[in-house]
């Protein structure tokens, strides 16, 4: 059983997080209004994407976390779809929120602080 109802893959969100350092137009950078729970889903999705990308690239520091290449992606897709549905947002707005969270985690070096709160949200292996 999954944490959220299964939705279609959100490629735009994965691209936004993986290219979080790339400049985007100002309109795309405006953060949508999200509830605390929705923001947590977005933040954890961004953190999981950062770890999964590092694991795929062979980053030794990312080995401290469980393999997130599959489970993290599943969470990312389901959480993004849930936020889109609940907040009435389009893919671009969710992608902007994901990118902003990924930048915040990277810029502030808070991945190690974010992951303990996020890992229990992962779907069972």
PDB file of N, CA and C in Angstrom:
ATOM      1  N   UNK A   1       0.848  -1.184   0.000  1.00  0.00           N
ATOM      2  CA  UNK A   1       0.000   0.000   0.000  1.00  0.00           C
ATOM      3  C   UNK A   1       0.884   1.235   0.000  1.00  0.00           C
ATOM      4  N   UNK A   2       0.535   2.196  -0.797  1.00  0.00           N
ATOM      5  CA  UNK A   2       1.338   3.409  -0.887  1.00  0.00           C
ATOM      6  C   UNK A   2       0.779   4.492   0.008  1.00  0.00           C
ATOM      7  N   UNK A   3       1.625   5.461   0.316  1.00  0.00           N
ATOM      8  CA  UNK A   3       1.240   6.566   1.185  1.00  0.00           C
ATOM      9  C   UNK A   3       0.211   7.462   0.525  1.00  0.00           C
ATOM     10  N   UNK A   4       0.316   7.672  -0.772  1.00  0.00           N
ATOM     11  CA  UNK A   4      -0.586   8.553  -1.510  1.00  0.00           C
ATOM     12  C   UNK A   4      -1.129   7.792  -2.706  1.00  0.00           C
ATOM     13  N   UNK A   5      -2.292   8.179  -3.221  1.00  0.00           N
ATOM     14  CA  UNK A   5      -2.793   7.535  -4.431  1.00  0.00           C
ATOM     15  C   UNK A   5      -1.799   7.725  -5.581  1.00  0.00           C
ATOM     16  N   UNK A   6      -1.582   6.684  -6.374  1.00  0.00           N
ATOM     17  CA  UNK A   6      -0.616   6.746  -7.472  1.00  0.00           C
ATOM     18  C   UNK A   6      -1.085   7.718  -8.546  1.00  0.00           C
ATOM     19  N   UNK A   7      -0.195   8.582  -9.011  1.00  0.00           N
ATOM     20  CA  UNK A   7      -0.478   9.584 -10.046  1.00  0.00           C
ATOM     21  C   UNK A   7       0.544   9.423 -11.164  1.00  0.00           C
ATOM     22  N   UNK A   8       0.319  10.084 -12.306  1.00  0.00           N
ATOM     23  CA  UNK A   8       1.288  10.027 -13.401  1.00  0.00           C
ATOM     24  C   UNK A   8       2.620  10.654 -12.989  1.00  0.00           C
ATOM     25  N   UNK A   9       3.681  10.221 -13.646  1.00  0.00           N
ATOM     26  CA  UNK A   9       5.018  10.735 -13.360  1.00  0.00           C
ATOM     27  C   UNK A   9       5.094  12.219 -13.687  1.00  0.00           C
ATOM     28  N   UNK A  10       5.687  12.993 -12.773  1.00  0.00           N
ATOM     29  CA  UNK A  10       5.802  14.440 -12.963  1.00  0.00           C
ATOM     30  C   UNK A  10       7.229  14.781 -13.366  1.00  0.00           C
ATOM     31  N   UNK A  11       7.517  14.631 -14.638  1.00  0.00           N
ATOM     32  CA  UNK A  11       8.848  14.884 -15.167  1.00  0.00           C
ATOM     33  C   UNK A  11       9.298  16.310 -14.896  1.00  0.00           C
ATOM     34  N   UNK A  12       8.417  17.266 -15.020  1.00  0.00           N
ATOM     35  CA  UNK A  12       8.793  18.669 -14.810  1.00  0.00           C
ATOM     36  C   UNK A  12       9.360  18.884 -13.417  1.00  0.00           C
ATOM     37  N   UNK A  13       8.802  18.238 -12.428  1.00  0.00           N
ATOM     38  CA  UNK A  13       9.301  18.388 -11.064  1.00  0.00           C
ATOM     39  C   UNK A  13      10.682  17.801 -10.892  1.00  0.00           C
ATOM     40  N   UNK A  14      10.918  16.627 -11.465  1.00  0.00           N
ATOM     41  CA  UNK A  14      12.243  16.011 -11.379  1.00  0.00           C
ATOM     42  C   UNK A  14      13.279  16.896 -12.056  1.00  0.00           C
ATOM     43  N   UNK A  15      12.929  17.473 -13.181  1.00  0.00           N
ATOM     44  CA  UNK A  15      13.855  18.360 -13.883  1.00  0.00           C
ATOM     45  C   UNK A  15      14.130  19.590 -13.045  1.00  0.00           C
ATOM     46  N   UNK A  16      13.109  20.133 -12.415  1.00  0.00           N
ATOM     47  CA  UNK A  16      13.283  21.346 -11.603  1.00  0.00           C
ATOM     48  C   UNK A  16      14.238  21.101 -10.454  1.00  0.00           C
ATOM     49  N   UNK A  17      14.106  19.963  -9.776  1.00  0.00           N
ATOM     50  CA  UNK A  17      14.979  19.685  -8.643  1.00  0.00           C
ATOM     51  C   UNK A  17      16.384  19.365  -9.108  1.00  0.00           C
ATOM     52  N   UNK A  18      16.518  18.591 -10.183  1.00  0.00           N
ATOM     53  CA  UNK A  18      17.854  18.222 -10.632  1.00  0.00           C
ATOM     54  C   UNK A  18      18.606  19.395 -11.233  1.00  0.00           C
ATOM     55  N   UNK A  19      17.889  20.419 -11.664  1.00  0.00           N
ATOM     56  CA  UNK A  19      18.555  21.594 -12.222  1.00  0.00           C
ATOM     57  C   UNK A  19      18.307  22.818 -11.352  1.00  0.00           C
ATOM     58  N   UNK A  20      18.242  22.617 -10.047  1.00  0.00           N
ATOM     59  CA  UNK A  20      17.880  23.700  -9.126  1.00  0.00           C
ATOM     60  C   UNK A  20      18.839  24.872  -9.176  1.00  0.00           C
ATOM     61  N   UNK A  21      20.047  24.661  -9.637  1.00  0.00           N
ATOM     62  CA  UNK A  21      20.993  25.763  -9.714  1.00  0.00           C
ATOM     63  C   UNK A  21      20.821  26.622 -10.955  1.00  0.00           C
ATOM     64  N   UNK A  22      19.979  26.202 -11.890  1.00  0.00           N
ATOM     65  CA  UNK A  22      19.782  26.927 -13.137  1.00  0.00           C
ATOM     66  C   UNK A  22      18.770  28.045 -12.922  1.00  0.00           C
ATOM     67  N   UNK A  23      19.063  29.219 -13.446  1.00  0.00           N
ATOM     68  CA  UNK A  23      18.161  30.360 -13.293  1.00  0.00           C
ATOM     69  C   UNK A  23      16.861  30.110 -14.038  1.00  0.00           C
ATOM     70  N   UNK A  24      15.761  30.561 -13.441  1.00  0.00           N
ATOM     71  CA  UNK A  24      14.455  30.451 -14.070  1.00  0.00           C
ATOM     72  C   UNK A  24      13.812  31.821 -14.094  1.00  0.00           C
ATOM     73  N   UNK A  25      12.844  32.031 -14.970  1.00  0.00           N
ATOM     74  CA  UNK A  25      12.188  33.334 -15.021  1.00  0.00           C
ATOM     75  C   UNK A  25      11.577  33.698 -13.671  1.00  0.00           C
ATOM     76  N   UNK A  26      11.502  34.994 -13.386  1.00  0.00           N
ATOM     77  CA  UNK A  26      11.006  35.464 -12.090  1.00  0.00           C
ATOM     78  C   UNK A  26       9.608  34.951 -11.795  1.00  0.00           C
ATOM     79  N   UNK A  27       8.758  34.876 -12.797  1.00  0.00           N
ATOM     80  CA  UNK A  27       7.396  34.413 -12.551  1.00  0.00           C
ATOM     81  C   UNK A  27       7.378  32.964 -12.080  1.00  0.00           C
ATOM     82  N   UNK A  28       8.296  32.138 -12.569  1.00  0.00           N
ATOM     83  CA  UNK A  28       8.356  30.740 -12.159  1.00  0.00           C
ATOM     84  C   UNK A  28       8.941  30.592 -10.768  1.00  0.00           C
ATOM     85  N   UNK A  29       9.649  31.608 -10.265  1.00  0.00           N
ATOM     86  CA  UNK A  29      10.282  31.518  -8.965  1.00  0.00           C
ATOM     87  C   UNK A  29       9.356  31.915  -7.829  1.00  0.00           C
ATOM     88  N   UNK A  30       8.196  32.477  -8.124  1.00  0.00           N
ATOM     89  CA  UNK A  30       7.269  32.860  -7.076  1.00  0.00           C
ATOM     90  C   UNK A  30       6.780  31.608  -6.364  1.00  0.00           C
ATOM     91  N   UNK A  31       6.935  31.594  -5.038  1.00  0.00           N
ATOM     92  CA  UNK A  31       6.539  30.430  -4.260  1.00  0.00           C
ATOM     93  C   UNK A  31       5.025  30.399  -4.080  1.00  0.00           C
ATOM     94  N   UNK A  32       4.408  29.260  -4.385  1.00  0.00           N
ATOM     95  CA  UNK A  32       2.968  29.156  -4.170  1.00  0.00           C
ATOM     96  C   UNK A  32       2.662  29.065  -2.675  1.00  0.00           C
ATOM     97  N   UNK A  33       1.452  29.414  -2.299  1.00  0.00           N
ATOM     98  CA  UNK A  33       1.025  29.300  -0.904  1.00  0.00           C
ATOM     99  C   UNK A  33       0.666  27.842  -0.642  1.00  0.00           C
ATOM    100  N   UNK A  34       1.388  27.247   0.293  1.00  0.00           N
ATOM    101  CA  UNK A  34       1.169  25.850   0.637  1.00  0.00           C
ATOM    102  C   UNK A  34       0.945  25.725   2.134  1.00  0.00           C
ATOM    103  N   UNK A  35       0.185  24.698   2.529  1.00  0.00           N
ATOM    104  CA  UNK A  35       0.018  24.399   3.947  1.00  0.00           C
ATOM    105  C   UNK A  35       1.342  23.849   4.475  1.00  0.00           C
ATOM    106  N   UNK A  36       1.463  23.759   5.778  1.00  0.00           N
ATOM    107  CA  UNK A  36       2.677  23.214   6.387  1.00  0.00           C
ATOM    108  C   UNK A  36       2.927  21.784   5.907  1.00  0.00           C
ATOM    109  N   UNK A  37       1.870  20.975   5.852  1.00  0.00           N
ATOM    110  CA  UNK A  37       2.012  19.595   5.393  1.00  0.00           C
ATOM    111  C   UNK A  37       2.459  19.541   3.934  1.00  0.00           C
ATOM    112  N   UNK A  38       1.870  20.371   3.094  1.00  0.00           N
ATOM    113  CA  UNK A  38       2.253  20.396   1.682  1.00  0.00           C
ATOM    114  C   UNK A  38       3.695  20.854   1.519  1.00  0.00           C
ATOM    115  N   UNK A  39       4.100  21.843   2.290  1.00  0.00           N
ATOM    116  CA  UNK A  39       5.482  22.323   2.204  1.00  0.00           C
ATOM    117  C   UNK A  39       6.449  21.225   2.636  1.00  0.00           C
ATOM    118  N   UNK A  40       6.060  20.456   3.663  1.00  0.00           N
ATOM    119  CA  UNK A  40       6.907  19.353   4.103  1.00  0.00           C
ATOM    120  C   UNK A  40       7.030  18.303   3.001  1.00  0.00           C
ATOM    121  N   UNK A  41       5.930  17.996   2.321  1.00  0.00           N
ATOM    122  CA  UNK A  41       5.986  17.033   1.219  1.00  0.00           C
ATOM    123  C   UNK A  41       6.930  17.519   0.123  1.00  0.00           C
ATOM    124  N   UNK A  42       6.853  18.804  -0.191  1.00  0.00           N
ATOM    125  CA  UNK A  42       7.720  19.378  -1.224  1.00  0.00           C
ATOM    126  C   UNK A  42       9.169  19.355  -0.756  1.00  0.00           C
ATOM    127  N   UNK A  43       9.415  19.743   0.489  1.00  0.00           N
ATOM    128  CA  UNK A  43      10.787  19.783   1.014  1.00  0.00           C
ATOM    129  C   UNK A  43      11.397  18.383   1.041  1.00  0.00           C
ATOM    130  N   UNK A  44      10.632  17.404   1.507  1.00  0.00           N
ATOM    131  CA  UNK A  44      11.146  16.035   1.542  1.00  0.00           C
ATOM    132  C   UNK A  44      11.362  15.493   0.131  1.00  0.00           C
ATOM    133  N   UNK A  45      10.482  15.824  -0.787  1.00  0.00           N
ATOM    134  CA  UNK A  45      10.672  15.411  -2.182  1.00  0.00           C
ATOM    135  C   UNK A  45      11.974  15.966  -2.734  1.00  0.00           C
ATOM    136  N   UNK A  46      12.245  17.227  -2.441  1.00  0.00           N
ATOM    137  CA  UNK A  46      13.484  17.853  -2.904  1.00  0.00           C
ATOM    138  C   UNK A  46      14.694  17.182  -2.267  1.00  0.00           C
ATOM    139  N   UNK A  47      14.612  16.914  -0.971  1.00  0.00           N
ATOM    140  CA  UNK A  47      15.725  16.254  -0.279  1.00  0.00           C
ATOM    141  C   UNK A  47      15.969  14.865  -0.857  1.00  0.00           C
ATOM    142  N   UNK A  48      14.904  14.099  -1.085  1.00  0.00           N
ATOM    143  CA  UNK A  48      15.053  12.762  -1.655  1.00  0.00           C
ATOM    144  C   UNK A  48      15.655  12.826  -3.052  1.00  0.00           C
ATOM    145  N   UNK A  49      15.262  13.806  -3.835  1.00  0.00           N
ATOM    146  CA  UNK A  49      15.812  13.952  -5.186  1.00  0.00           C
ATOM    147  C   UNK A  49      17.299  14.283  -5.134  1.00  0.00           C
ATOM    148  N   UNK A  50      17.701  15.126  -4.197  1.00  0.00           N
ATOM    149  CA  UNK A  50      19.123  15.466  -4.044  1.00  0.00           C
ATOM    150  C   UNK A  50      19.920  14.217  -3.691  1.00  0.00           C
ATOM    151  N   UNK A  51      19.420  13.440  -2.730  1.00  0.00           N
ATOM    152  CA  UNK A  51      20.121  12.221  -2.315  1.00  0.00           C
ATOM    153  C   UNK A  51      20.155  11.212  -3.454  1.00  0.00           C
ATOM    154  N   UNK A  52      19.029  10.983  -4.110  1.00  0.00           N
ATOM    155  CA  UNK A  52      18.974  10.004  -5.202  1.00  0.00           C
ATOM    156  C   UNK A  52      19.931  10.377  -6.323  1.00  0.00           C
ATOM    157  N   UNK A  53      19.978  11.648  -6.650  1.00  0.00           N
ATOM    158  CA  UNK A  53      20.896  12.092  -7.705  1.00  0.00           C
ATOM    159  C   UNK A  53      22.347  11.868  -7.277  1.00  0.00           C
ATOM    160  N   UNK A  54      22.648  12.168  -6.027  1.00  0.00           N
ATOM    161  CA  UNK A  54      23.995  11.925  -5.512  1.00  0.00           C
ATOM    162  C   UNK A  54      24.343  10.449  -5.519  1.00  0.00           C
ATOM    163  N   UNK A  55      23.387   9.605  -5.158  1.00  0.00           N
ATOM    164  CA  UNK A  55      23.622   8.161  -5.178  1.00  0.00           C
ATOM    165  C   UNK A  55      23.868   7.670  -6.599  1.00  0.00           C
ATOM    166  N   UNK A  56      23.106   8.173  -7.548  1.00  0.00           N
ATOM    167  CA  UNK A  56      23.309   7.788  -8.948  1.00  0.00           C
ATOM    168  C   UNK A  56      24.673   8.238  -9.456  1.00  0.00           C
ATOM    169  N   UNK A  57      25.153   9.378  -8.951  1.00  0.00           N
ATOM    170  CA  UNK A  57      26.445   9.915  -9.378  1.00  0.00           C
ATOM    171  C   UNK A  57      27.615   9.293  -8.615  1.00  0.00           C
ATOM    172  N   UNK A  58      27.315   8.431  -7.633  1.00  0.00           N
ATOM    173  CA  UNK A  58      28.371   7.777  -6.872  1.00  0.00           C
ATOM    174  C   UNK A  58      28.941   8.615  -5.747  1.00  0.00           C
ATOM    175  N   UNK A  59      28.220   9.628  -5.299  1.00  0.00           N
ATOM    176  CA  UNK A  59      28.662  10.492  -4.204  1.00  0.00           C
ATOM    177  C   UNK A  59      28.707   9.672  -2.913  1.00  0.00           C
ATOM    178  N   UNK A  60      29.898   9.489  -2.359  1.00  0.00           N
ATOM    179  CA  UNK A  60      30.086   8.658  -1.170  1.00  0.00           C
ATOM    180  C   UNK A  60      29.300   9.165   0.032  1.00  0.00           C
ATOM    181  N   UNK A  61      29.108  10.478   0.149  1.00  0.00           N
ATOM    182  CA  UNK A  61      28.376  11.013   1.300  1.00  0.00           C
ATOM    183  C   UNK A  61      26.900  10.623   1.269  1.00  0.00           C
ATOM    184  N   UNK A  62      26.390  10.279   0.112  1.00  0.00           N
ATOM    185  CA  UNK A  62      24.976   9.914  -0.001  1.00  0.00           C
ATOM    186  C   UNK A  62      24.726   8.449   0.347  1.00  0.00           C
ATOM    187  N   UNK A  63      25.801   7.678   0.540  1.00  0.00           N
ATOM    188  CA  UNK A  63      25.653   6.274   0.942  1.00  0.00           C
ATOM    189  C   UNK A  63      25.170   6.143   2.382  1.00  0.00           C
ATOM    190  N   UNK A  64      25.229   7.224   3.145  1.00  0.00           N
ATOM    191  CA  UNK A  64      24.757   7.203   4.532  1.00  0.00           C
ATOM    192  C   UNK A  64      23.237   7.030   4.599  1.00  0.00           C
ATOM    193  N   UNK A  65      22.568   7.283   3.493  1.00  0.00           N
ATOM    194  CA  UNK A  65      21.106   7.196   3.445  1.00  0.00           C
ATOM    195  C   UNK A  65      20.685   5.925   2.720  1.00  0.00           C
ATOM    196  N   UNK A  66      19.458   5.446   2.994  1.00  0.00           N
ATOM    197  CA  UNK A  66      18.973   4.291   2.225  1.00  0.00           C
ATOM    198  C   UNK A  66      18.919   4.637   0.736  1.00  0.00           C
ATOM    199  N   UNK A  67      18.925   3.622  -0.084  1.00  0.00           N
ATOM    200  CA  UNK A  67      18.858   3.840  -1.532  1.00  0.00           C
ATOM    201  C   UNK A  67      17.525   4.512  -1.866  1.00  0.00           C
ATOM    202  N   UNK A  68      17.596   5.724  -2.369  1.00  0.00           N
ATOM    203  CA  UNK A  68      16.393   6.505  -2.660  1.00  0.00           C
ATOM    204  C   UNK A  68      16.101   6.614  -4.147  1.00  0.00           C
ATOM    205  N   UNK A  69      16.868   5.904  -4.957  1.00  0.00           N
ATOM    206  CA  UNK A  69      16.666   6.036  -6.395  1.00  0.00           C
ATOM    207  C   UNK A  69      15.277   5.580  -6.826  1.00  0.00           C
ATOM    208  N   UNK A  70      14.712   4.588  -6.202  1.00  0.00           N
ATOM    209  CA  UNK A  70      13.366   4.132  -6.559  1.00  0.00           C
ATOM    210  C   UNK A  70      12.325   4.644  -5.567  1.00  0.00           C
ATOM    211  N   UNK A  71      12.532   4.382  -4.283  1.00  0.00           N
ATOM    212  CA  UNK A  71      11.546   4.788  -3.271  1.00  0.00           C
ATOM    213  C   UNK A  71      11.421   6.306  -3.183  1.00  0.00           C
ATOM    214  N   UNK A  72      12.532   7.010  -3.301  1.00  0.00           N
ATOM    215  CA  UNK A  72      12.492   8.467  -3.274  1.00  0.00           C
ATOM    216  C   UNK A  72      11.745   9.027  -4.469  1.00  0.00           C
ATOM    217  N   UNK A  73      11.955   8.415  -5.628  1.00  0.00           N
ATOM    218  CA  UNK A  73      11.250   8.851  -6.840  1.00  0.00           C
ATOM    219  C   UNK A  73       9.746   8.606  -6.697  1.00  0.00           C
ATOM    220  N   UNK A  74       9.371   7.451  -6.148  1.00  0.00           N
ATOM    221  CA  UNK A  74       7.948   7.156  -5.947  1.00  0.00           C
ATOM    222  C   UNK A  74       7.322   8.193  -5.006  1.00  0.00           C
ATOM    223  N   UNK A  75       8.020   8.497  -3.914  1.00  0.00           N
ATOM    224  CA  UNK A  75       7.518   9.517  -2.984  1.00  0.00           C
ATOM    225  C   UNK A  75       7.384  10.851  -3.698  1.00  0.00           C
ATOM    226  N   UNK A  76       8.417  11.219  -4.443  1.00  0.00           N
ATOM    227  CA  UNK A  76       8.452  12.489  -5.169  1.00  0.00           C
ATOM    228  C   UNK A  76       7.231  12.634  -6.075  1.00  0.00           C
ATOM    229  N   UNK A  77       6.954  11.611  -6.848  1.00  0.00           N
ATOM    230  CA  UNK A  77       5.841  11.647  -7.803  1.00  0.00           C
ATOM    231  C   UNK A  77       4.506  11.751  -7.069  1.00  0.00           C
ATOM    232  N   UNK A  78       4.320  10.908  -6.067  1.00  0.00           N
ATOM    233  CA  UNK A  78       3.048  10.898  -5.355  1.00  0.00           C
ATOM    234  C   UNK A  78       2.838  12.178  -4.552  1.00  0.00           C
ATOM    235  N   UNK A  79       3.881  12.660  -3.898  1.00  0.00           N
ATOM    236  CA  UNK A  79       3.762  13.894  -3.120  1.00  0.00           C
ATOM    237  C   UNK A  79       3.491  15.086  -4.032  1.00  0.00           C
ATOM    238  N   UNK A  80       4.172  15.142  -5.166  1.00  0.00           N
ATOM    239  CA  UNK A  80       3.958  16.244  -6.110  1.00  0.00           C
ATOM    240  C   UNK A  80       2.527  16.249  -6.626  1.00  0.00           C
ATOM    241  N   UNK A  81       2.017  15.076  -6.962  1.00  0.00           N
ATOM    242  CA  UNK A  81       0.635  14.974  -7.444  1.00  0.00           C
ATOM    243  C   UNK A  81      -0.349  15.383  -6.353  1.00  0.00           C
ATOM    244  N   UNK A  82      -0.064  14.979  -5.131  1.00  0.00           N
ATOM    245  CA  UNK A  82      -0.946  15.342  -4.014  1.00  0.00           C
ATOM    246  C   UNK A  82      -0.974  16.857  -3.808  1.00  0.00           C
ATOM    247  N   UNK A  83       0.194  17.478  -3.836  1.00  0.00           N
ATOM    248  CA  UNK A  83       0.266  18.931  -3.658  1.00  0.00           C
ATOM    249  C   UNK A  83      -0.460  19.629  -4.804  1.00  0.00           C
ATOM    250  N   UNK A  84      -0.280  19.144  -6.025  1.00  0.00           N
ATOM    251  CA  UNK A  84      -0.989  19.727  -7.170  1.00  0.00           C
ATOM    252  C   UNK A  84      -2.497  19.666  -6.951  1.00  0.00           C
ATOM    253  N   UNK A  85      -2.986  18.494  -6.542  1.00  0.00           N
ATOM    254  CA  UNK A  85      -4.424  18.306  -6.343  1.00  0.00           C
ATOM    255  C   UNK A  85      -4.957  19.161  -5.196  1.00  0.00           C
ATOM    256  N   UNK A  86      -4.298  19.085  -4.044  1.00  0.00           N
ATOM    257  CA  UNK A  86      -4.794  19.774  -2.851  1.00  0.00           C
ATOM    258  C   UNK A  86      -4.696  21.291  -2.965  1.00  0.00           C
ATOM    259  N   UNK A  87      -3.610  21.782  -3.543  1.00  0.00           N
ATOM    260  CA  UNK A  87      -3.390  23.228  -3.617  1.00  0.00           C
ATOM    261  C   UNK A  87      -3.917  23.828  -4.918  1.00  0.00           C
ATOM    262  N   UNK A  88      -4.369  22.971  -5.829  1.00  0.00           N
ATOM    263  CA  UNK A  88      -4.883  23.462  -7.104  1.00  0.00           C
ATOM    264  C   UNK A  88      -3.806  24.111  -7.958  1.00  0.00           C
ATOM    265  N   UNK A  89      -2.600  23.563  -7.899  1.00  0.00           N
ATOM    266  CA  UNK A  89      -1.465  24.131  -8.626  1.00  0.00           C
ATOM    267  C   UNK A  89      -1.184  23.349  -9.896  1.00  0.00           C
ATOM    268  N   UNK A  90      -0.583  24.017 -10.859  1.00  0.00           N
ATOM    269  CA  UNK A  90      -0.119  23.367 -12.073  1.00  0.00           C
ATOM    270  C   UNK A  90       1.285  22.815 -11.872  1.00  0.00           C
ATOM    271  N   UNK A  91       1.743  22.071 -12.848  1.00  0.00           N
ATOM    272  CA  UNK A  91       3.082  21.476 -12.772  1.00  0.00           C
ATOM    273  C   UNK A  91       4.170  22.525 -12.614  1.00  0.00           C
ATOM    274  N   UNK A  92       4.012  23.651 -13.309  1.00  0.00           N
ATOM    275  CA  UNK A  92       5.047  24.694 -13.248  1.00  0.00           C
ATOM    276  C   UNK A  92       5.188  25.246 -11.836  1.00  0.00           C
ATOM    277  N   UNK A  93       4.068  25.460 -11.157  1.00  0.00           N
ATOM    278  CA  UNK A  93       4.111  25.992  -9.794  1.00  0.00           C
ATOM    279  C   UNK A  93       4.734  24.994  -8.832  1.00  0.00           C
ATOM    280  N   UNK A  94       4.386  23.719  -8.979  1.00  0.00           N
ATOM    281  CA  UNK A  94       4.969  22.697  -8.114  1.00  0.00           C
ATOM    282  C   UNK A  94       6.456  22.549  -8.423  1.00  0.00           C
ATOM    283  N   UNK A  95       6.819  22.589  -9.694  1.00  0.00           N
ATOM    284  CA  UNK A  95       8.234  22.515 -10.071  1.00  0.00           C
ATOM    285  C   UNK A  95       9.010  23.685  -9.481  1.00  0.00           C
ATOM    286  N   UNK A  96       8.420  24.876  -9.483  1.00  0.00           N
ATOM    287  CA  UNK A  96       9.079  26.048  -8.897  1.00  0.00           C
ATOM    288  C   UNK A  96       9.268  25.864  -7.396  1.00  0.00           C
ATOM    289  N   UNK A  97       8.257  25.333  -6.725  1.00  0.00           N
ATOM    290  CA  UNK A  97       8.362  25.094  -5.284  1.00  0.00           C
ATOM    291  C   UNK A  97       9.432  24.049  -4.986  1.00  0.00           C
ATOM    292  N   UNK A  98       9.479  22.987  -5.788  1.00  0.00           N
ATOM    293  CA  UNK A  98      10.501  21.950  -5.610  1.00  0.00           C
ATOM    294  C   UNK A  98      11.899  22.521  -5.824  1.00  0.00           C
ATOM    295  N   UNK A  99      12.051  23.312  -6.862  1.00  0.00           N
ATOM    296  CA  UNK A  99      13.345  23.930  -7.138  1.00  0.00           C
ATOM    297  C   UNK A  99      13.779  24.861  -6.030  1.00  0.00           C
ATOM    298  N   UNK A 100      12.832  25.644  -5.494  1.00  0.00           N
ATOM    299  CA  UNK A 100      13.153  26.566  -4.400  1.00  0.00           C
ATOM    300  C   UNK A 100      13.586  25.805  -3.158  1.00  0.00           C
ATOM    301  N   UNK A 101      12.903  24.719  -2.847  1.00  0.00           N
ATOM    302  CA  UNK A 101      13.282  23.920  -1.674  1.00  0.00           C
ATOM    303  C   UNK A 101      14.647  23.271  -1.876  1.00  0.00           C
ATOM    304  N   UNK A 102      14.907  22.751  -3.066  1.00  0.00           N
ATOM    305  CA  UNK A 102      16.207  22.137  -3.341  1.00  0.00           C
ATOM    306  C   UNK A 102      17.326  23.166  -3.211  1.00  0.00           C
ATOM    307  N   UNK A 103      17.110  24.361  -3.743  1.00  0.00           N
ATOM    308  CA  UNK A 103      18.118  25.424  -3.611  1.00  0.00           C
ATOM    309  C   UNK A 103      18.345  25.782  -2.153  1.00  0.00           C
ATOM    310  N   UNK A 104      17.257  25.877  -1.386  1.00  0.00           N
ATOM    311  CA  UNK A 104      17.377  26.219   0.026  1.00  0.00           C
ATOM    312  C   UNK A 104      18.185  25.158   0.774  1.00  0.00           C
ATOM    313  N   UNK A 105      17.896  23.900   0.524  1.00  0.00           N
ATOM    314  CA  UNK A 105      18.625  22.810   1.183  1.00  0.00           C
ATOM    315  C   UNK A 105      20.101  22.861   0.810  1.00  0.00           C
ATOM    316  N   UNK A 106      20.395  23.035  -0.467  1.00  0.00           N
ATOM    317  CA  UNK A 106      21.794  23.094  -0.916  1.00  0.00           C
ATOM    318  C   UNK A 106      22.499  24.341  -0.402  1.00  0.00           C
ATOM    319  N   UNK A 107      21.861  25.501  -0.558  1.00  0.00           N
ATOM    320  CA  UNK A 107      22.500  26.766  -0.173  1.00  0.00           C
ATOM    321  C   UNK A 107      22.788  26.843   1.318  1.00  0.00           C
ATOM    322  N   UNK A 108      21.909  26.259   2.129  1.00  0.00           N
ATOM    323  CA  UNK A 108      22.066  26.327   3.580  1.00  0.00           C
ATOM    324  C   UNK A 108      22.702  25.079   4.177  1.00  0.00           C
ATOM    325  N   UNK A 109      22.999  24.087   3.348  1.00  0.00           N
ATOM    326  CA  UNK A 109      23.644  22.866   3.825  1.00  0.00           C
ATOM    327  C   UNK A 109      22.825  22.132   4.876  1.00  0.00           C
ATOM    328  N   UNK A 110      21.510  22.059   4.674  1.00  0.00           N
ATOM    329  CA  UNK A 110      20.629  21.481   5.689  1.00  0.00           C
ATOM    330  C   UNK A 110      20.138  20.069   5.371  1.00  0.00           C
ATOM    331  N   UNK A 111      20.734  19.416   4.391  1.00  0.00           N
ATOM    332  CA  UNK A 111      20.272  18.077   4.026  1.00  0.00           C
ATOM    333  C   UNK A 111      20.301  17.130   5.225  1.00  0.00           C
ATOM    334  N   UNK A 112      21.380  17.138   5.990  1.00  0.00           N
ATOM    335  CA  UNK A 112      21.507  16.237   7.143  1.00  0.00           C
ATOM    336  C   UNK A 112      20.451  16.522   8.209  1.00  0.00           C
ATOM    337  N   UNK A 113      19.991  17.756   8.307  1.00  0.00           N
ATOM    338  CA  UNK A 113      18.956  18.091   9.284  1.00  0.00           C
ATOM    339  C   UNK A 113      17.559  17.736   8.773  1.00  0.00           C
ATOM    340  N   UNK A 114      17.366  17.786   7.468  1.00  0.00           N
ATOM    341  CA  UNK A 114      16.055  17.523   6.869  1.00  0.00           C
ATOM    342  C   UNK A 114      15.760  16.024   6.794  1.00  0.00           C
ATOM    343  N   UNK A 115      16.754  15.235   6.468  1.00  0.00           N
ATOM    344  CA  UNK A 115      16.526  13.816   6.190  1.00  0.00           C
ATOM    345  C   UNK A 115      15.913  13.026   7.349  1.00  0.00           C
ATOM    346  N   UNK A 116      16.309  13.220   8.604  1.00  0.00           N
ATOM    347  CA  UNK A 116      15.685  12.431   9.674  1.00  0.00           C
ATOM    348  C   UNK A 116      14.166  12.624   9.771  1.00  0.00           C
ATOM    349  N   UNK A 117      13.680  13.806   9.478  1.00  0.00           N
ATOM    350  CA  UNK A 117      12.232  14.050   9.503  1.00  0.00           C
ATOM    351  C   UNK A 117      11.549  13.471   8.272  1.00  0.00           C
ATOM    352  N   UNK A 118      12.276  13.359   7.170  1.00  0.00           N
ATOM    353  CA  UNK A 118      11.683  12.908   5.906  1.00  0.00           C
ATOM    354  C   UNK A 118      11.703  11.391   5.726  1.00  0.00           C
ATOM    355  N   UNK A 119      12.737  10.729   6.180  1.00  0.00           N
ATOM    356  CA  UNK A 119      12.874   9.290   5.923  1.00  0.00           C
ATOM    357  C   UNK A 119      11.672   8.460   6.378  1.00  0.00           C
ATOM    358  N   UNK A 120      11.055   8.755   7.531  1.00  0.00           N
ATOM    359  CA  UNK A 120       9.886   7.952   7.926  1.00  0.00           C
ATOM    360  C   UNK A 120       8.685   8.088   6.983  1.00  0.00           C
ATOM    361  N   UNK A 121       8.688   9.091   6.124  1.00  0.00           N
ATOM    362  CA  UNK A 121       7.581   9.292   5.186  1.00  0.00           C
ATOM    363  C   UNK A 121       7.678   8.411   3.948  1.00  0.00           C
ATOM    364  N   UNK A 122       8.828   7.773   3.749  1.00  0.00           N
ATOM    365  CA  UNK A 122       9.024   6.936   2.557  1.00  0.00           C
ATOM    366  C   UNK A 122       8.061   5.759   2.533  1.00  0.00           C
ATOM    367  N   UNK A 123       7.592   5.379   1.342  1.00  0.00           N
ATOM    368  CA  UNK A 123       6.780   4.166   1.248  1.00  0.00           C
ATOM    369  C   UNK A 123       7.630   2.952   1.606  1.00  0.00           C
ATOM    370  N   UNK A 124       6.995   1.923   2.113  1.00  0.00           N
ATOM    371  CA  UNK A 124       7.712   0.704   2.492  1.00  0.00           C
ATOM    372  C   UNK A 124       8.410   0.104   1.284  1.00  0.00           C
ATOM    373  N   UNK A 125       9.546  -0.529   1.561  1.00  0.00           N
ATOM    374  CA  UNK A 125      10.336  -1.145   0.481  1.00  0.00           C
ATOM    375  C   UNK A 125       9.663  -2.385  -0.045  1.00  0.00           C
TER     376      UNK A 125
END
